[in-house]
Amino acid sequence: MARTVCPGCGRGALGPQIIKTRIGTTDNPGMNALSALSGLTTGARRDPGWQVQLRVDYVVNQVMQTHRGQSEDAVKQAIQDQLRVYGVVPNKRQISQYAHAISSLPQLPPTSR
């Protein structure tokens, strides 16, 4: 089986992969559907926790938009609450680092709609 090499990719890199996603899921409002594992090619390897990290990244970005400049405890609690909604048990040390960084950011000015 020959591997496809993209122009500009390193030697032995896999070619473009097609990822199937479910469209129109209503069980997780506000979050895009995660890709199904069946849509990946057999040559692709992912770490076991890649979906968990995607969820952590999503939640941290959401909290960063809503809780900037607030106390570290408030930010930490918001991250933990939202991660549990997505079935992720948070790593306390990682959450503390995210909370410290988010609480040190300046608050965003209110947007006019």
C-alpha atoms as a PDB file:
ATOM      1  CA  MET A   1       0.000   0.000   0.000  1.00  0.00           C
ATOM      2  CA  ALA A   2       1.598   3.265  -1.112  1.00  0.00           C
ATOM      3  CA  ARG A   3       1.348   6.399   0.998  1.00  0.00           C
ATOM      4  CA  THR A   4       0.400   9.693  -0.548  1.00  0.00           C
ATOM      5  CA  VAL A   5       2.802  12.524   0.184  1.00  0.00           C
ATOM      6  CA  CYS A   6       1.436  16.061   0.185  1.00  0.00           C
ATOM      7  CA  PRO A   7       3.514  18.767  -1.498  1.00  0.00           C
ATOM      8  CA  GLY A   8       5.523  20.440   1.236  1.00  0.00           C
ATOM      9  CA  CYS A   9       4.889  17.640   3.747  1.00  0.00           C
ATOM     10  CA  GLY A  10       7.700  15.745   5.358  1.00  0.00           C
ATOM     11  CA  ARG A  11       8.865  12.447   3.980  1.00  0.00           C
ATOM     12  CA  GLY A  12       6.394   9.652   4.678  1.00  0.00           C
ATOM     13  CA  ALA A  13       3.574  11.977   5.749  1.00  0.00           C
ATOM     14  CA  LEU A  14       0.066  10.771   5.141  1.00  0.00           C
ATOM     15  CA  GLY A  15      -2.047  12.478   2.524  1.00  0.00           C
ATOM     16  CA  PRO A  16      -5.244  14.366   3.219  1.00  0.00           C
ATOM     17  CA  GLN A  17      -7.782  12.493   5.309  1.00  0.00           C
ATOM     18  CA  ILE A  18     -11.534  12.681   5.079  1.00  0.00           C
ATOM     19  CA  ILE A  19     -13.245  12.985   8.435  1.00  0.00           C
ATOM     20  CA  LYS A  20     -16.965  12.335   8.676  1.00  0.00           C
ATOM     21  CA  THR A  21     -18.912  14.442  11.141  1.00  0.00           C
ATOM     22  CA  ARG A  22     -22.458  14.229  12.344  1.00  0.00           C
ATOM     23  CA  ILE A  23     -24.430  17.307  11.417  1.00  0.00           C
ATOM     24  CA  GLY A  24     -27.407  18.611  13.308  1.00  0.00           C
ATOM     25  CA  THR A  25     -26.859  17.104  16.735  1.00  0.00           C
ATOM     26  CA  THR A  26     -28.922  18.853  19.370  1.00  0.00           C
ATOM     27  CA  ASP A  27     -27.654  17.028  22.456  1.00  0.00           C
ATOM     28  CA  ASN A  28     -24.627  19.359  22.772  1.00  0.00           C
ATOM     29  CA  PRO A  29     -25.835  22.867  21.935  1.00  0.00           C
ATOM     30  CA  GLY A  30     -23.022  25.269  21.182  1.00  0.00           C
ATOM     31  CA  MET A  31     -20.406  22.593  20.524  1.00  0.00           C
ATOM     32  CA  ASN A  32     -19.653  21.182  17.101  1.00  0.00           C
ATOM     33  CA  ALA A  33     -19.938  17.431  16.712  1.00  0.00           C
ATOM     34  CA  LEU A  34     -16.716  15.513  17.180  1.00  0.00           C
ATOM     35  CA  SER A  35     -15.503  13.462  14.251  1.00  0.00           C
ATOM     36  CA  ALA A  36     -16.264   9.770  14.173  1.00  0.00           C
ATOM     37  CA  LEU A  37     -13.355   7.355  14.462  1.00  0.00           C
ATOM     38  CA  SER A  38     -14.722   5.223  11.616  1.00  0.00           C
ATOM     39  CA  GLY A  39     -13.981   8.043   9.163  1.00  0.00           C
ATOM     40  CA  LEU A  40     -10.238   7.942   9.766  1.00  0.00           C
ATOM     41  CA  THR A  41      -7.881   6.039   7.526  1.00  0.00           C
ATOM     42  CA  THR A  42      -6.155   2.986   8.945  1.00  0.00           C
ATOM     43  CA  GLY A  43      -2.683   4.536   8.762  1.00  0.00           C
ATOM     44  CA  ALA A  44      -3.525   7.437  11.078  1.00  0.00           C
ATOM     45  CA  ARG A  45      -2.540   7.140  14.733  1.00  0.00           C
ATOM     46  CA  ARG A  46      -3.850   9.372  17.480  1.00  0.00           C
ATOM     47  CA  ASP A  47      -3.093   9.533  21.158  1.00  0.00           C
ATOM     48  CA  PRO A  48      -5.790   7.978  23.353  1.00  0.00           C
ATOM     49  CA  GLY A  49      -6.852  11.297  24.886  1.00  0.00           C
ATOM     50  CA  TRP A  50      -7.161  13.422  21.758  1.00  0.00           C
ATOM     51  CA  GLN A  51     -10.942  13.876  22.036  1.00  0.00           C
ATOM     52  CA  VAL A  52     -10.630  14.806  25.700  1.00  0.00           C
ATOM     53  CA  GLN A  53      -8.050  17.458  24.837  1.00  0.00           C
ATOM     54  CA  LEU A  54     -10.349  18.861  22.136  1.00  0.00           C
ATOM     55  CA  ARG A  55     -13.085  19.234  24.734  1.00  0.00           C
ATOM     56  CA  VAL A  56     -10.708  20.849  27.223  1.00  0.00           C
ATOM     57  CA  ASP A  57      -9.529  23.319  24.565  1.00  0.00           C
ATOM     58  CA  TYR A  58     -13.133  24.161  23.638  1.00  0.00           C
ATOM     59  CA  VAL A  59     -14.145  24.790  27.261  1.00  0.00           C
ATOM     60  CA  VAL A  60     -11.038  26.848  28.056  1.00  0.00           C
ATOM     61  CA  ASN A  61     -11.678  29.052  25.010  1.00  0.00           C
ATOM     62  CA  GLN A  62     -15.305  29.564  26.044  1.00  0.00           C
ATOM     63  CA  VAL A  63     -14.359  30.443  29.625  1.00  0.00           C
ATOM     64  CA  MET A  64     -11.614  32.746  28.345  1.00  0.00           C
ATOM     65  CA  GLN A  65     -14.253  34.788  26.515  1.00  0.00           C
ATOM     66  CA  THR A  66     -16.639  35.020  29.467  1.00  0.00           C
ATOM     67  CA  HIS A  67     -14.445  35.068  32.606  1.00  0.00           C
ATOM     68  CA  ARG A  68     -11.375  37.127  31.708  1.00  0.00           C
ATOM     69  CA  GLY A  69     -10.038  39.190  34.593  1.00  0.00           C
ATOM     70  CA  GLN A  70     -12.202  37.496  37.208  1.00  0.00           C
ATOM     71  CA  SER A  71     -10.800  35.793  40.286  1.00  0.00           C
ATOM     72  CA  GLU A  72      -8.829  32.614  39.822  1.00  0.00           C
ATOM     73  CA  ASP A  73     -11.321  30.627  41.902  1.00  0.00           C
ATOM     74  CA  ALA A  74     -14.272  31.782  39.788  1.00  0.00           C
ATOM     75  CA  VAL A  75     -12.462  30.879  36.568  1.00  0.00           C
ATOM     76  CA  LYS A  76     -11.387  27.504  37.955  1.00  0.00           C
ATOM     77  CA  GLN A  77     -14.963  26.693  39.017  1.00  0.00           C
ATOM     78  CA  ALA A  78     -16.347  27.701  35.599  1.00  0.00           C
ATOM     79  CA  ILE A  79     -13.845  25.463  33.790  1.00  0.00           C
ATOM     80  CA  GLN A  80     -14.566  22.504  36.070  1.00  0.00           C
ATOM     81  CA  ASP A  81     -18.348  22.903  35.754  1.00  0.00           C
ATOM     82  CA  GLN A  82     -18.262  23.099  31.963  1.00  0.00           C
ATOM     83  CA  LEU A  83     -15.817  20.202  31.592  1.00  0.00           C
ATOM     84  CA  ARG A  84     -18.097  17.967  33.642  1.00  0.00           C
ATOM     85  CA  VAL A  85     -20.958  18.782  31.243  1.00  0.00           C
ATOM     86  CA  TYR A  86     -18.872  17.219  28.471  1.00  0.00           C
ATOM     87  CA  GLY A  87     -17.891  14.213  30.584  1.00  0.00           C
ATOM     88  CA  VAL A  88     -14.308  15.264  31.260  1.00  0.00           C
ATOM     89  CA  VAL A  89     -12.807  14.824  34.709  1.00  0.00           C
ATOM     90  CA  PRO A  90     -10.485  17.807  34.999  1.00  0.00           C
ATOM     91  CA  ASN A  91      -6.812  17.592  35.910  1.00  0.00           C
ATOM     92  CA  LYS A  92      -6.507  19.968  38.887  1.00  0.00           C
ATOM     93  CA  ARG A  93      -2.988  21.155  38.081  1.00  0.00           C
ATOM     94  CA  GLN A  94      -3.845  21.835  34.426  1.00  0.00           C
ATOM     95  CA  ILE A  95      -7.052  23.647  35.403  1.00  0.00           C
ATOM     96  CA  SER A  96      -5.116  25.790  37.901  1.00  0.00           C
ATOM     97  CA  GLN A  97      -2.676  26.831  35.176  1.00  0.00           C
ATOM     98  CA  TYR A  98      -5.508  27.745  32.797  1.00  0.00           C
ATOM     99  CA  ALA A  99      -7.348  29.635  35.559  1.00  0.00           C
ATOM    100  CA  HIS A 100      -4.230  31.619  36.487  1.00  0.00           C
ATOM    101  CA  ALA A 101      -3.648  32.630  32.865  1.00  0.00           C
ATOM    102  CA  ILE A 102      -7.288  33.580  32.224  1.00  0.00           C
ATOM    103  CA  SER A 103      -7.655  35.570  35.445  1.00  0.00           C
ATOM    104  CA  SER A 104      -4.571  37.634  34.582  1.00  0.00           C
ATOM    105  CA  LEU A 105      -6.069  38.724  31.230  1.00  0.00           C
ATOM    106  CA  PRO A 106      -7.820  42.097  30.994  1.00  0.00           C
ATOM    107  CA  GLN A 107     -11.597  42.023  30.747  1.00  0.00           C
ATOM    108  CA  LEU A 108     -13.100  42.445  27.301  1.00  0.00           C
ATOM    109  CA  PRO A 109     -15.150  45.594  26.691  1.00  0.00           C
ATOM    110  CA  PRO A 110     -18.883  44.927  26.241  1.00  0.00           C
ATOM    111  CA  THR A 111     -19.939  44.430  22.641  1.00  0.00           C
ATOM    112  CA  SER A 112     -22.771  46.478  21.202  1.00  0.00           C
ATOM    113  CA  ARG A 113     -25.231  44.511  19.145  1.00  0.00           C
END
